[in-house]
Amino acid sequence: MPVDLTGTCLTLDDGRPAVRFSRTYDHPVDRVWQFVTDPDELQQWFPFRAEMELRPGGTIRFSGDPNTPGFTGRMLAVDPPRHLSFEWGGDELRFDLEAVGAQRTRFTLTNVLAEPNTAARNGAGWEVCLTALDAKAHGEPFEGPLAGPSAPWKRFYDAYIDAGVPSGASIPGLD
């Protein structure tokens, strides 16, 4: 069964590879900011629980993934409620929120990749995570991004490979 890929593989102006996703939610910016920064909200769609010191240079602690031990990162930029970026493993995650009228928000996630061969793996993972966020934003139930064998991750991964997106990186829990 074919899947619709919503991510774009790109090269940033500084030459670094990235995958980018954009959504529009029927919530004001402040509400979508909570989806991104509140640990209880975030763990419902993000691959880890993330406890954040919301200031540049602050620590972010990741935990809760059964295939990856907990680790820490550093907050790179915080501009509530519009922008958040932090280190995530060797990558950088950027969240940009833009009001589209009073009650709608454009959400953009950019995963700046440390290695190009992680694009297909990470893109597939974000597809699953953002499906969970989409459901949350629409008030619909979802098993969560770590839904195990029932998660459509492999179908997304195969579709990204078929689309020519760089691949070959290790896959935690499967390698």
Protein backbone atom coordinates (compact mmCIF):
# COMPACT_ATOMS: atom_id res chain seq x y z
CA MET A 1 0.00 0.00 0.00
CA PRO A 2 1.62 3.30 -1.05
CA VAL A 3 2.15 6.03 1.51
CA ASP A 4 2.16 9.78 1.05
CA LEU A 5 5.47 11.28 2.07
CA THR A 6 5.17 14.72 3.66
CA GLY A 7 8.85 15.37 4.30
CA THR A 8 11.27 17.16 2.03
CA CYS A 9 14.94 16.25 1.89
CA LEU A 10 17.01 19.38 1.31
CA THR A 11 20.40 21.02 1.68
CA LEU A 12 20.43 24.15 3.83
CA ASP A 13 22.22 27.33 2.78
CA ASP A 14 25.18 26.33 4.98
CA GLY A 15 25.52 23.01 3.13
CA ARG A 16 24.08 20.75 5.85
CA PRO A 17 21.51 18.09 4.89
CA ALA A 18 18.06 18.23 6.45
CA VAL A 19 14.54 16.84 6.30
CA ARG A 20 11.66 19.29 6.73
CA PHE A 21 7.98 18.84 7.49
CA SER A 22 5.20 21.41 7.63
CA ARG A 23 1.66 21.20 8.93
CA THR A 24 -1.12 23.69 9.66
CA TYR A 25 -3.13 23.19 12.83
CA ASP A 26 -6.44 24.73 13.87
CA HIS A 27 -4.97 25.99 17.14
CA PRO A 28 -3.43 29.31 18.13
CA VAL A 29 0.37 29.53 18.27
CA ASP A 30 0.44 29.38 22.09
CA ARG A 31 -1.36 26.02 22.04
CA VAL A 32 0.95 24.52 19.41
CA TRP A 33 3.91 25.84 21.44
CA GLN A 34 2.66 23.63 24.31
CA PHE A 35 2.67 20.60 21.97
CA VAL A 36 6.38 21.31 21.39
CA THR A 37 7.61 22.37 24.84
CA ASP A 38 5.45 20.78 27.54
CA PRO A 39 7.02 17.39 28.45
CA ASP A 40 3.62 15.73 28.99
CA GLU A 41 2.28 17.01 25.66
CA LEU A 42 5.51 16.28 23.78
CA GLN A 43 5.81 12.67 24.91
CA GLN A 44 2.45 11.93 23.27
CA TRP A 45 3.98 12.37 19.81
CA PHE A 46 7.77 12.84 20.09
CA PRO A 47 10.05 9.75 20.21
CA PHE A 48 11.32 10.65 23.73
CA ARG A 49 10.14 12.36 26.85
CA ALA A 50 12.01 15.68 26.86
CA GLU A 51 12.58 17.81 29.96
CA MET A 52 13.77 21.24 28.83
CA GLU A 53 15.43 24.26 30.36
CA LEU A 54 13.78 26.74 28.00
CA ARG A 55 16.71 29.12 27.53
CA PRO A 56 19.62 29.23 25.09
CA GLY A 57 22.38 27.01 26.47
CA GLY A 58 19.91 25.17 28.72
CA THR A 59 19.92 21.40 29.05
CA ILE A 60 17.35 19.11 27.47
CA ARG A 61 17.08 15.57 28.84
CA PHE A 62 15.69 12.79 26.66
CA SER A 63 14.34 9.54 28.08
CA GLY A 64 11.76 6.83 27.51
CA ASP A 65 12.78 5.18 24.23
CA PRO A 66 13.16 1.42 24.81
CA ASN A 67 15.79 1.17 22.03
CA THR A 68 17.97 4.13 23.05
CA PRO A 69 19.43 5.00 26.45
CA GLY A 70 18.59 8.43 27.83
CA PHE A 71 20.84 11.31 26.79
CA THR A 72 21.10 15.08 27.03
CA GLY A 73 21.29 17.90 24.52
CA ARG A 74 21.64 21.65 24.60
CA MET A 75 19.06 24.30 23.79
CA LEU A 76 20.36 26.36 20.86
CA ALA A 77 17.62 28.99 20.51
CA VAL A 78 14.35 29.77 22.27
CA ASP A 79 11.97 32.48 21.07
CA PRO A 80 8.57 31.71 22.67
CA PRO A 81 6.16 30.95 21.10
CA ARG A 82 7.71 31.09 17.64
CA HIS A 83 10.99 29.17 17.53
CA LEU A 84 12.80 26.42 19.41
CA SER A 85 15.95 24.59 18.39
CA PHE A 86 18.14 22.11 20.23
CA GLU A 87 20.79 19.45 19.85
CA TRP A 88 19.37 15.95 19.50
CA GLY A 89 22.06 13.33 19.37
CA GLY A 90 24.36 14.66 16.66
CA ASP A 91 21.47 16.38 14.88
CA GLU A 92 19.73 19.71 15.38
CA LEU A 93 15.95 19.99 15.63
CA ARG A 94 14.21 23.24 14.77
CA PHE A 95 10.57 23.99 15.42
CA ASP A 96 9.11 27.11 13.82
CA LEU A 97 5.55 28.25 14.50
CA GLU A 98 3.77 30.94 12.50
CA ALA A 99 0.28 32.30 13.12
CA VAL A 100 -2.04 31.89 10.15
CA GLY A 101 -4.92 34.01 11.36
CA ALA A 102 -6.01 34.10 14.99
CA GLN A 103 -6.72 30.40 15.46
CA ARG A 104 -4.39 28.59 13.06
CA THR A 105 -0.66 27.84 13.20
CA ARG A 106 1.82 26.70 10.59
CA PHE A 107 4.16 24.21 12.29
CA THR A 108 7.50 23.48 10.64
CA LEU A 109 9.93 20.85 11.89
CA THR A 110 13.42 20.83 10.39
CA ASN A 111 15.75 17.98 11.34
CA VAL A 112 19.27 19.16 10.45
CA LEU A 113 21.19 15.94 9.95
CA ALA A 114 24.69 15.19 11.17
CA GLU A 115 25.01 12.55 8.43
CA PRO A 116 23.17 12.50 5.07
CA ASN A 117 22.55 8.73 5.23
CA THR A 118 20.11 9.28 8.14
CA ALA A 119 17.59 11.15 5.94
CA ALA A 120 15.36 8.17 5.04
CA ARG A 121 15.46 6.71 8.57
CA ASN A 122 14.71 10.02 10.27
CA GLY A 123 12.16 11.06 7.67
CA ALA A 124 10.21 7.84 8.22
CA GLY A 125 10.38 8.33 11.99
CA TRP A 126 9.05 11.88 11.76
CA GLU A 127 6.21 10.71 9.51
CA VAL A 128 5.05 8.40 12.32
CA CYS A 129 5.60 11.01 15.04
CA LEU A 130 3.79 13.74 13.12
CA THR A 131 0.90 11.39 12.41
CA ALA A 132 0.57 11.15 16.20
CA LEU A 133 0.79 14.95 16.53
CA ASP A 134 -1.81 15.39 13.78
CA ALA A 135 -4.17 13.06 15.66
CA LYS A 136 -3.51 14.89 18.93
CA ALA A 137 -4.13 18.27 17.31
CA HIS A 138 -7.42 16.97 15.89
CA GLY A 139 -8.50 15.39 19.19
CA GLU A 140 -8.28 11.87 17.78
CA PRO A 141 -6.80 8.81 19.53
CA PHE A 142 -3.41 7.46 18.44
CA GLU A 143 -1.20 4.76 19.93
CA GLY A 144 1.82 7.06 19.91
CA PRO A 145 5.05 7.29 17.97
CA LEU A 146 6.47 4.15 19.62
CA ALA A 147 3.57 1.95 18.57
CA GLY A 148 5.85 -0.98 17.82
CA PRO A 149 5.15 -3.35 14.96
CA SER A 150 1.80 -1.70 14.24
CA ALA A 151 3.55 1.59 13.41
CA PRO A 152 3.86 2.26 9.67
CA TRP A 153 7.54 3.27 9.98
CA LYS A 154 8.87 0.59 7.61
CA ARG A 155 6.45 1.56 4.84
CA PHE A 156 7.58 5.20 5.13
CA TYR A 157 11.23 4.15 5.22
CA ASP A 158 10.84 2.05 2.07
CA ALA A 159 9.01 4.91 0.34
CA TYR A 160 11.79 7.36 1.19
CA ILE A 161 14.37 4.91 -0.18
CA ASP A 162 12.28 4.43 -3.33
CA ALA A 163 12.20 8.24 -3.68
CA GLY A 164 16.01 8.29 -3.67
CA VAL A 165 16.43 9.83 -0.22
CA PRO A 166 19.86 9.00 1.29
CA SER A 167 19.76 5.91 3.53
CA GLY A 168 21.98 3.29 5.13
CA ALA A 169 22.22 4.55 8.71
CA SER A 170 21.90 2.21 11.67
CA ILE A 171 18.32 1.66 12.85
CA PRO A 172 18.05 1.36 16.67
CA GLY A 173 16.04 -1.65 17.69
CA LEU A 174 16.30 -3.29 14.24
CA ASP A 175 20.06 -3.51 13.62
